[in-house]
Every structure is written in C-alpha cells, then in structure tokens.
Amino acid sequence: MKAVITVTGKDSMGIIAGVAGKCAELGANIVDISQSVLQEYFAMIMLADIDELNVDFAQFVDELEAFGEQKGLSVQAMHEDIFNTMHHI
C-alpha cells in the first residue's frame, strides 16, 4: 500500500528532511519525491510505502498534519486507493 503526501507552504531550510524524518518515525518509506520552489513558495509530492506503518493510517495522517502545522506548512496524506479513485476518468 502507498500514500500520496503533499506539502505546501513558505520555503525554508529542512522541509524535506523534516517530513522524511516524520515518515520514517511512523514507519513509512519514501519511494518517490518531486518538489519545486516557486519564488518563496515550496511544493512537494511524495509517494510513500505504508506497509510497515507502526500506527494506523488515520493516526499517520493526523501526525503529518500536526507536524505541518508546527512548521507553518500544509501537509496532507491520502491513501493511494482514494487518490486513484478521485483521479480515475
């Protein structure tokens, strides 16, 4: 199983490291990442393997959102099944 994680906000040093560290702490393994900085704005999409989570998925989502709030970022995680269903034509 995988999760799609999006991160947006004002650019600052350590965003990728912080989100990656939080994912590792919760048992998620990042398998792909894309990020851009547009002037002072940061945007990132990560794909994470969540087969080895040490918390349930709802708690994973909540902890990433809380981490984002602490850093002044919007961090959202969506299960790949929901993401695929939303984007299926």
PDB file of N, CA and C in Angstrom:
ATOM      1  N   MET A   1       0.834  -1.175   0.000  1.00  0.00           N
ATOM      2  CA  MET A   1       0.000   0.000   0.000  1.00  0.00           C
ATOM      3  C   MET A   1       0.881   1.241   0.000  1.00  0.00           C
ATOM      4  N   LYS A   2       0.357   2.284  -0.620  1.00  0.00           N
ATOM      5  CA  LYS A   2       1.110   3.527  -0.696  1.00  0.00           C
ATOM      6  C   LYS A   2       0.218   4.695  -0.291  1.00  0.00           C
ATOM      7  N   ALA A   3       0.858   5.804   0.059  1.00  0.00           N
ATOM      8  CA  ALA A   3       0.176   7.050   0.368  1.00  0.00           C
ATOM      9  C   ALA A   3       0.789   8.154  -0.474  1.00  0.00           C
ATOM     10  N   VAL A   4      -0.050   9.087  -0.885  1.00  0.00           N
ATOM     11  CA  VAL A   4       0.397  10.283  -1.578  1.00  0.00           C
ATOM     12  C   VAL A   4       0.404  11.403  -0.547  1.00  0.00           C
ATOM     13  N   ILE A   5       1.562  12.025  -0.358  1.00  0.00           N
ATOM     14  CA  ILE A   5       1.728  13.070   0.645  1.00  0.00           C
ATOM     15  C   ILE A   5       2.047  14.372  -0.084  1.00  0.00           C
ATOM     16  N   THR A   6       1.277  15.430   0.209  1.00  0.00           N
ATOM     17  CA  THR A   6       1.550  16.732  -0.383  1.00  0.00           C
ATOM     18  C   THR A   6       1.949  17.704   0.710  1.00  0.00           C
ATOM     19  N   VAL A   7       2.902  18.561   0.367  1.00  0.00           N
ATOM     20  CA  VAL A   7       3.398  19.559   1.312  1.00  0.00           C
ATOM     21  C   VAL A   7       3.478  20.889   0.571  1.00  0.00           C
ATOM     22  N   THR A   8       2.851  21.920   1.120  1.00  0.00           N
ATOM     23  CA  THR A   8       2.947  23.252   0.540  1.00  0.00           C
ATOM     24  C   THR A   8       3.155  24.273   1.642  1.00  0.00           C
ATOM     25  N   GLY A   9       3.791  25.371   1.284  1.00  0.00           N
ATOM     26  CA  GLY A   9       3.987  26.448   2.244  1.00  0.00           C
ATOM     27  C   GLY A   9       5.137  27.324   1.852  1.00  0.00           C
ATOM     28  N   LYS A  10       5.475  28.244   2.727  1.00  0.00           N
ATOM     29  CA  LYS A  10       6.608  29.128   2.508  1.00  0.00           C
ATOM     30  C   LYS A  10       7.894  28.324   2.625  1.00  0.00           C
ATOM     31  N   ASP A  11       8.804  28.525   1.689  1.00  0.00           N
ATOM     32  CA  ASP A  11      10.042  27.746   1.671  1.00  0.00           C
ATOM     33  C   ASP A  11      10.914  28.068   2.878  1.00  0.00           C
ATOM     34  N   SER A  12      11.520  27.043   3.419  1.00  0.00           N
ATOM     35  CA  SER A  12      12.501  27.197   4.495  1.00  0.00           C
ATOM     36  C   SER A  12      13.419  25.975   4.484  1.00  0.00           C
ATOM     37  N   MET A  13      14.543  26.100   5.110  1.00  0.00           N
ATOM     38  CA  MET A  13      15.512  25.014   5.146  1.00  0.00           C
ATOM     39  C   MET A  13      14.981  23.834   5.966  1.00  0.00           C
ATOM     40  N   GLY A  14      15.161  22.613   5.437  1.00  0.00           N
ATOM     41  CA  GLY A  14      14.860  21.407   6.194  1.00  0.00           C
ATOM     42  C   GLY A  14      13.472  20.829   6.024  1.00  0.00           C
ATOM     43  N   ILE A  15      12.677  21.363   5.095  1.00  0.00           N
ATOM     44  CA  ILE A  15      11.310  20.834   4.943  1.00  0.00           C
ATOM     45  C   ILE A  15      11.343  19.364   4.535  1.00  0.00           C
ATOM     46  N   ILE A  16      12.108  19.044   3.501  1.00  0.00           N
ATOM     47  CA  ILE A  16      12.154  17.655   3.033  1.00  0.00           C
ATOM     48  C   ILE A  16      12.673  16.741   4.140  1.00  0.00           C
ATOM     49  N   ALA A  17      13.738  17.154   4.796  1.00  0.00           N
ATOM     50  CA  ALA A  17      14.309  16.342   5.876  1.00  0.00           C
ATOM     51  C   ALA A  17      13.301  16.143   7.002  1.00  0.00           C
ATOM     52  N   GLY A  18      12.561  17.188   7.343  1.00  0.00           N
ATOM     53  CA  GLY A  18      11.585  17.089   8.422  1.00  0.00           C
ATOM     54  C   GLY A  18      10.450  16.134   8.099  1.00  0.00           C
ATOM     55  N   VAL A  19       9.889  16.262   6.901  1.00  0.00           N
ATOM     56  CA  VAL A  19       8.787  15.386   6.513  1.00  0.00           C
ATOM     57  C   VAL A  19       9.281  13.949   6.369  1.00  0.00           C
ATOM     58  N   ALA A  20      10.455  13.779   5.772  1.00  0.00           N
ATOM     59  CA  ALA A  20      11.021  12.437   5.616  1.00  0.00           C
ATOM     60  C   ALA A  20      11.292  11.803   6.981  1.00  0.00           C
ATOM     61  N   GLY A  21      11.801  12.582   7.907  1.00  0.00           N
ATOM     62  CA  GLY A  21      12.050  12.076   9.253  1.00  0.00           C
ATOM     63  C   GLY A  21      10.781  11.656   9.962  1.00  0.00           C
ATOM     64  N   LYS A  22       9.721  12.456   9.799  1.00  0.00           N
ATOM     65  CA  LYS A  22       8.431  12.115  10.415  1.00  0.00           C
ATOM     66  C   LYS A  22       7.879  10.836   9.800  1.00  0.00           C
ATOM     67  N   CYS A  23       8.003  10.700   8.475  1.00  0.00           N
ATOM     68  CA  CYS A  23       7.555   9.469   7.813  1.00  0.00           C
ATOM     69  C   CYS A  23       8.315   8.263   8.348  1.00  0.00           C
ATOM     70  N   ALA A  24       9.630   8.387   8.468  1.00  0.00           N
ATOM     71  CA  ALA A  24      10.444   7.276   8.972  1.00  0.00           C
ATOM     72  C   ALA A  24      10.058   6.922  10.403  1.00  0.00           C
ATOM     73  N   GLU A  25       9.828   7.937  11.223  1.00  0.00           N
ATOM     74  CA  GLU A  25       9.423   7.711  12.619  1.00  0.00           C
ATOM     75  C   GLU A  25       8.129   6.894  12.697  1.00  0.00           C
ATOM     76  N   LEU A  26       7.231   7.111  11.732  1.00  0.00           N
ATOM     77  CA  LEU A  26       5.936   6.441  11.728  1.00  0.00           C
ATOM     78  C   LEU A  26       5.941   5.140  10.936  1.00  0.00           C
ATOM     79  N   GLY A  27       7.083   4.803  10.327  1.00  0.00           N
ATOM     80  CA  GLY A  27       7.220   3.533   9.620  1.00  0.00           C
ATOM     81  C   GLY A  27       6.942   3.587   8.131  1.00  0.00           C
ATOM     82  N   ALA A  28       6.835   4.778   7.562  1.00  0.00           N
ATOM     83  CA  ALA A  28       6.604   4.924   6.119  1.00  0.00           C
ATOM     84  C   ALA A  28       7.936   5.081   5.401  1.00  0.00           C
ATOM     85  N   ASN A  29       8.052   4.463   4.237  1.00  0.00           N
ATOM     86  CA  ASN A  29       9.270   4.533   3.435  1.00  0.00           C
ATOM     87  C   ASN A  29       8.983   5.334   2.165  1.00  0.00           C
ATOM     88  N   ILE A  30       9.709   6.412   1.964  1.00  0.00           N
ATOM     89  CA  ILE A  30       9.505   7.256   0.790  1.00  0.00           C
ATOM     90  C   ILE A  30      10.093   6.556  -0.424  1.00  0.00           C
ATOM     91  N   VAL A  31       9.259   6.398  -1.463  1.00  0.00           N
ATOM     92  CA  VAL A  31       9.702   5.704  -2.674  1.00  0.00           C
ATOM     93  C   VAL A  31       9.867   6.645  -3.861  1.00  0.00           C
ATOM     94  N   ASP A  32       9.245   7.823  -3.805  1.00  0.00           N
ATOM     95  CA  ASP A  32       9.403   8.801  -4.883  1.00  0.00           C
ATOM     96  C   ASP A  32       9.088  10.181  -4.324  1.00  0.00           C
ATOM     97  N   ILE A  33       9.718  11.184  -4.919  1.00  0.00           N
ATOM     98  CA  ILE A  33       9.525  12.548  -4.434  1.00  0.00           C
ATOM     99  C   ILE A  33       9.718  13.518  -5.585  1.00  0.00           C
ATOM    100  N   SER A  34       8.898  14.562  -5.583  1.00  0.00           N
ATOM    101  CA  SER A  34       9.036  15.653  -6.534  1.00  0.00           C
ATOM    102  C   SER A  34       8.796  16.943  -5.765  1.00  0.00           C
ATOM    103  N   GLN A  35       9.675  17.918  -5.949  1.00  0.00           N
ATOM    104  CA  GLN A  35       9.500  19.173  -5.229  1.00  0.00           C
ATOM    105  C   GLN A  35       9.911  20.340  -6.110  1.00  0.00           C
ATOM    106  N   SER A  36       9.291  21.469  -5.829  1.00  0.00           N
ATOM    107  CA  SER A  36       9.586  22.699  -6.553  1.00  0.00           C
ATOM    108  C   SER A  36       9.566  23.861  -5.584  1.00  0.00           C
ATOM    109  N   VAL A  37      10.354  24.867  -5.895  1.00  0.00           N
ATOM    110  CA  VAL A  37      10.315  26.115  -5.173  1.00  0.00           C
ATOM    111  C   VAL A  37      10.012  27.196  -6.205  1.00  0.00           C
ATOM    112  N   LEU A  38       8.909  27.890  -6.014  1.00  0.00           N
ATOM    113  CA  LEU A  38       8.489  28.971  -6.903  1.00  0.00           C
ATOM    114  C   LEU A  38       8.574  30.261  -6.105  1.00  0.00           C
ATOM    115  N   GLN A  39       9.597  31.062  -6.409  1.00  0.00           N
ATOM    116  CA  GLN A  39       9.919  32.243  -5.617  1.00  0.00           C
ATOM    117  C   GLN A  39      10.097  31.799  -4.172  1.00  0.00           C
ATOM    118  N   GLU A  40       9.227  32.231  -3.247  1.00  0.00           N
ATOM    119  CA  GLU A  40       9.405  31.808  -1.853  1.00  0.00           C
ATOM    120  C   GLU A  40       8.455  30.694  -1.436  1.00  0.00           C
ATOM    121  N   TYR A  41       7.766  30.078  -2.397  1.00  0.00           N
ATOM    122  CA  TYR A  41       6.784  29.044  -2.080  1.00  0.00           C
ATOM    123  C   TYR A  41       7.308  27.649  -2.410  1.00  0.00           C
ATOM    124  N   PHE A  42       7.060  26.722  -1.508  1.00  0.00           N
ATOM    125  CA  PHE A  42       7.537  25.350  -1.610  1.00  0.00           C
ATOM    126  C   PHE A  42       6.350  24.430  -1.891  1.00  0.00           C
ATOM    127  N   ALA A  43       6.541  23.493  -2.807  1.00  0.00           N
ATOM    128  CA  ALA A  43       5.510  22.487  -3.090  1.00  0.00           C
ATOM    129  C   ALA A  43       6.197  21.137  -3.284  1.00  0.00           C
ATOM    130  N   MET A  44       5.643  20.093  -2.686  1.00  0.00           N
ATOM    131  CA  MET A  44       6.245  18.768  -2.784  1.00  0.00           C
ATOM    132  C   MET A  44       5.149  17.711  -2.814  1.00  0.00           C
ATOM    133  N   ILE A  45       5.401  16.678  -3.611  1.00  0.00           N
ATOM    134  CA  ILE A  45       4.562  15.481  -3.613  1.00  0.00           C
ATOM    135  C   ILE A  45       5.474  14.298  -3.344  1.00  0.00           C
ATOM    136  N   MET A  46       5.102  13.476  -2.380  1.00  0.00           N
ATOM    137  CA  MET A  46       5.865  12.277  -2.051  1.00  0.00           C
ATOM    138  C   MET A  46       4.955  11.065  -2.216  1.00  0.00           C
ATOM    139  N   LEU A  47       5.539   9.969  -2.621  1.00  0.00           N
ATOM    140  CA  LEU A  47       4.854   8.684  -2.633  1.00  0.00           C
ATOM    141  C   LEU A  47       5.564   7.826  -1.594  1.00  0.00           C
ATOM    142  N   ALA A  48       4.818   7.327  -0.637  1.00  0.00           N
ATOM    143  CA  ALA A  48       5.415   6.561   0.463  1.00  0.00           C
ATOM    144  C   ALA A  48       4.772   5.182   0.570  1.00  0.00           C
ATOM    145  N   ASP A  49       5.614   4.186   0.779  1.00  0.00           N
ATOM    146  CA  ASP A  49       5.146   2.830   1.062  1.00  0.00           C
ATOM    147  C   ASP A  49       4.719   2.802   2.527  1.00  0.00           C
ATOM    148  N   ILE A  50       3.473   2.405   2.782  1.00  0.00           N
ATOM    149  CA  ILE A  50       2.939   2.434   4.149  1.00  0.00           C
ATOM    150  C   ILE A  50       2.648   1.038   4.689  1.00  0.00           C
ATOM    151  N   ASP A  51       3.228   0.014   4.068  1.00  0.00           N
ATOM    152  CA  ASP A  51       3.010  -1.357   4.538  1.00  0.00           C
ATOM    153  C   ASP A  51       3.556  -1.599   5.942  1.00  0.00           C
ATOM    154  N   GLU A  52       4.573  -0.856   6.339  1.00  0.00           N
ATOM    155  CA  GLU A  52       5.221  -1.082   7.632  1.00  0.00           C
ATOM    156  C   GLU A  52       4.893   0.000   8.664  1.00  0.00           C
ATOM    157  N   LEU A  53       3.790   0.732   8.485  1.00  0.00           N
ATOM    158  CA  LEU A  53       3.429   1.759   9.466  1.00  0.00           C
ATOM    159  C   LEU A  53       3.348   1.157  10.866  1.00  0.00           C
ATOM    160  N   ASN A  54       3.820   1.918  11.859  1.00  0.00           N
ATOM    161  CA  ASN A  54       3.720   1.454  13.241  1.00  0.00           C
ATOM    162  C   ASN A  54       2.551   2.126  13.971  1.00  0.00           C
ATOM    163  N   VAL A  55       1.707   2.840  13.206  1.00  0.00           N
ATOM    164  CA  VAL A  55       0.460   3.426  13.694  1.00  0.00           C
ATOM    165  C   VAL A  55      -0.607   3.137  12.637  1.00  0.00           C
ATOM    166  N   ASP A  56      -1.874   3.327  12.973  1.00  0.00           N
ATOM    167  CA  ASP A  56      -2.883   3.139  11.934  1.00  0.00           C
ATOM    168  C   ASP A  56      -2.848   4.336  10.978  1.00  0.00           C
ATOM    169  N   PHE A  57      -3.464   4.175   9.807  1.00  0.00           N
ATOM    170  CA  PHE A  57      -3.352   5.196   8.774  1.00  0.00           C
ATOM    171  C   PHE A  57      -3.938   6.537   9.218  1.00  0.00           C
ATOM    172  N   ALA A  58      -5.044   6.510   9.950  1.00  0.00           N
ATOM    173  CA  ALA A  58      -5.652   7.755  10.427  1.00  0.00           C
ATOM    174  C   ALA A  58      -4.696   8.529  11.330  1.00  0.00           C
ATOM    175  N   GLN A  59      -3.981   7.822  12.183  1.00  0.00           N
ATOM    176  CA  GLN A  59      -3.008   8.483  13.055  1.00  0.00           C
ATOM    177  C   GLN A  59      -1.831   9.012  12.237  1.00  0.00           C
ATOM    178  N   PHE A  60      -1.407   8.272  11.219  1.00  0.00           N
ATOM    179  CA  PHE A  60      -0.349   8.718  10.312  1.00  0.00           C
ATOM    180  C   PHE A  60      -0.735  10.065   9.692  1.00  0.00           C
ATOM    181  N   VAL A  61      -1.952  10.143   9.185  1.00  0.00           N
ATOM    182  CA  VAL A  61      -2.452  11.380   8.578  1.00  0.00           C
ATOM    183  C   VAL A  61      -2.456  12.508   9.605  1.00  0.00           C
ATOM    184  N   ASP A  62      -2.987  12.240  10.792  1.00  0.00           N
ATOM    185  CA  ASP A  62      -3.078  13.258  11.842  1.00  0.00           C
ATOM    186  C   ASP A  62      -1.701  13.757  12.266  1.00  0.00           C
ATOM    187  N   GLU A  63      -0.743  12.844  12.408  1.00  0.00           N
ATOM    188  CA  GLU A  63       0.597  13.250  12.851  1.00  0.00           C
ATOM    189  C   GLU A  63       1.314  14.074  11.787  1.00  0.00           C
ATOM    190  N   LEU A  64       1.122  13.732  10.517  1.00  0.00           N
ATOM    191  CA  LEU A  64       1.725  14.545   9.460  1.00  0.00           C
ATOM    192  C   LEU A  64       1.096  15.932   9.416  1.00  0.00           C
ATOM    193  N   GLU A  65      -0.224  16.009   9.562  1.00  0.00           N
ATOM    194  CA  GLU A  65      -0.894  17.309   9.585  1.00  0.00           C
ATOM    195  C   GLU A  65      -0.413  18.153  10.760  1.00  0.00           C
ATOM    196  N   ALA A  66      -0.283  17.548  11.929  1.00  0.00           N
ATOM    197  CA  ALA A  66       0.192  18.265  13.118  1.00  0.00           C
ATOM    198  C   ALA A  66       1.622  18.747  12.924  1.00  0.00           C
ATOM    199  N   PHE A  67       2.465  17.905  12.320  1.00  0.00           N
ATOM    200  CA  PHE A  67       3.840  18.306  12.020  1.00  0.00           C
ATOM    201  C   PHE A  67       3.832  19.529  11.114  1.00  0.00           C
ATOM    202  N   GLY A  68       2.989  19.499  10.086  1.00  0.00           N
ATOM    203  CA  GLY A  68       2.893  20.630   9.174  1.00  0.00           C
ATOM    204  C   GLY A  68       2.470  21.903   9.879  1.00  0.00           C
ATOM    205  N   GLU A  69       1.475  21.798  10.741  1.00  0.00           N
ATOM    206  CA  GLU A  69       1.015  22.971  11.483  1.00  0.00           C
ATOM    207  C   GLU A  69       2.128  23.573  12.323  1.00  0.00           C
ATOM    208  N   GLN A  70       2.938  22.721  12.962  1.00  0.00           N
ATOM    209  CA  GLN A  70       4.054  23.205  13.780  1.00  0.00           C
ATOM    210  C   GLN A  70       5.069  23.967  12.943  1.00  0.00           C
ATOM    211  N   LYS A  71       5.217  23.578  11.672  1.00  0.00           N
ATOM    212  CA  LYS A  71       6.213  24.184  10.786  1.00  0.00           C
ATOM    213  C   LYS A  71       5.628  25.259   9.874  1.00  0.00           C
ATOM    214  N   GLY A  72       4.329  25.548  10.009  1.00  0.00           N
ATOM    215  CA  GLY A  72       3.694  26.538   9.156  1.00  0.00           C
ATOM    216  C   GLY A  72       3.463  26.051   7.735  1.00  0.00           C
ATOM    217  N   LEU A  73       3.260  24.743   7.596  1.00  0.00           N
ATOM    218  CA  LEU A  73       3.063  24.114   6.292  1.00  0.00           C
ATOM    219  C   LEU A  73       1.717  23.409   6.245  1.00  0.00           C
ATOM    220  N   SER A  74       1.242  23.163   5.040  1.00  0.00           N
ATOM    221  CA  SER A  74       0.099  22.284   4.853  1.00  0.00           C
ATOM    222  C   SER A  74       0.642  20.927   4.427  1.00  0.00           C
ATOM    223  N   VAL A  75       0.435  19.909   5.253  1.00  0.00           N
ATOM    224  CA  VAL A  75       0.879  18.549   4.939  1.00  0.00           C
ATOM    225  C   VAL A  75      -0.352  17.657   4.942  1.00  0.00           C
ATOM    226  N   GLN A  76      -0.606  17.014   3.810  1.00  0.00           N
ATOM    227  CA  GLN A  76      -1.768  16.140   3.689  1.00  0.00           C
ATOM    228  C   GLN A  76      -1.330  14.791   3.148  1.00  0.00           C
ATOM    229  N   ALA A  77      -1.931  13.735   3.670  1.00  0.00           N
ATOM    230  CA  ALA A  77      -1.650  12.380   3.197  1.00  0.00           C
ATOM    231  C   ALA A  77      -2.962  11.734   2.773  1.00  0.00           C
ATOM    232  N   MET A  78      -2.899  11.041   1.650  1.00  0.00           N
ATOM    233  CA  MET A  78      -4.081  10.375   1.118  1.00  0.00           C
ATOM    234  C   MET A  78      -3.690   8.958   0.710  1.00  0.00           C
ATOM    235  N   HIS A  79      -4.508   7.992   1.080  1.00  0.00           N
ATOM    236  CA  HIS A  79      -4.258   6.605   0.680  1.00  0.00           C
ATOM    237  C   HIS A  79      -4.330   6.520  -0.840  1.00  0.00           C
ATOM    238  N   GLU A  80      -3.454   5.723  -1.444  1.00  0.00           N
ATOM    239  CA  GLU A  80      -3.410   5.639  -2.905  1.00  0.00           C
ATOM    240  C   GLU A  80      -4.727   5.173  -3.499  1.00  0.00           C
ATOM    241  N   ASP A  81      -5.486   4.338  -2.793  1.00  0.00           N
ATOM    242  CA  ASP A  81      -6.776   3.883  -3.317  1.00  0.00           C
ATOM    243  C   ASP A  81      -7.739   5.055  -3.510  1.00  0.00           C
ATOM    244  N   ILE A  82      -7.769   5.956  -2.535  1.00  0.00           N
ATOM    245  CA  ILE A  82      -8.635   7.130  -2.637  1.00  0.00           C
ATOM    246  C   ILE A  82      -8.123   8.056  -3.731  1.00  0.00           C
ATOM    247  N   PHE A  83      -6.815   8.275  -3.758  1.00  0.00           N
ATOM    248  CA  PHE A  83      -6.222   9.129  -4.794  1.00  0.00           C
ATOM    249  C   PHE A  83      -6.543   8.600  -6.178  1.00  0.00           C
ATOM    250  N   ASN A  84      -6.363   7.294  -6.397  1.00  0.00           N
ATOM    251  CA  ASN A  84      -6.637   6.708  -7.705  1.00  0.00           C
ATOM    252  C   ASN A  84      -8.114   6.797  -8.080  1.00  0.00           C
ATOM    253  N   THR A  85      -8.987   6.612  -7.103  1.00  0.00           N
ATOM    254  CA  THR A  85     -10.421   6.705  -7.365  1.00  0.00           C
ATOM    255  C   THR A  85     -10.806   8.141  -7.740  1.00  0.00           C
ATOM    256  N   MET A  86     -10.227   9.120  -7.044  1.00  0.00           N
ATOM    257  CA  MET A  86     -10.531  10.520  -7.333  1.00  0.00           C
ATOM    258  C   MET A  86     -10.060  10.936  -8.731  1.00  0.00           C
ATOM    259  N   HIS A  87      -8.987  10.332  -9.201  1.00  0.00           N
ATOM    260  CA  HIS A  87      -8.383  10.754 -10.465  1.00  0.00           C
ATOM    261  C   HIS A  87      -8.615   9.761 -11.600  1.00  0.00           C
ATOM    262  N   HIS A  88      -9.556   8.868 -11.409  1.00  0.00           N
ATOM    263  CA  HIS A  88      -9.901   7.896 -12.445  1.00  0.00           C
ATOM    264  C   HIS A  88     -10.930   8.511 -13.381  1.00  0.00           C
ATOM    265  N   ILE A  89     -10.647   8.425 -14.657  1.00  0.00           N
ATOM    266  CA  ILE A  89     -11.569   9.011 -15.659  1.00  0.00           C
ATOM    267  C   ILE A  89     -12.490   7.933 -16.168  1.00  0.00           C
TER     268      ILE A  89
END
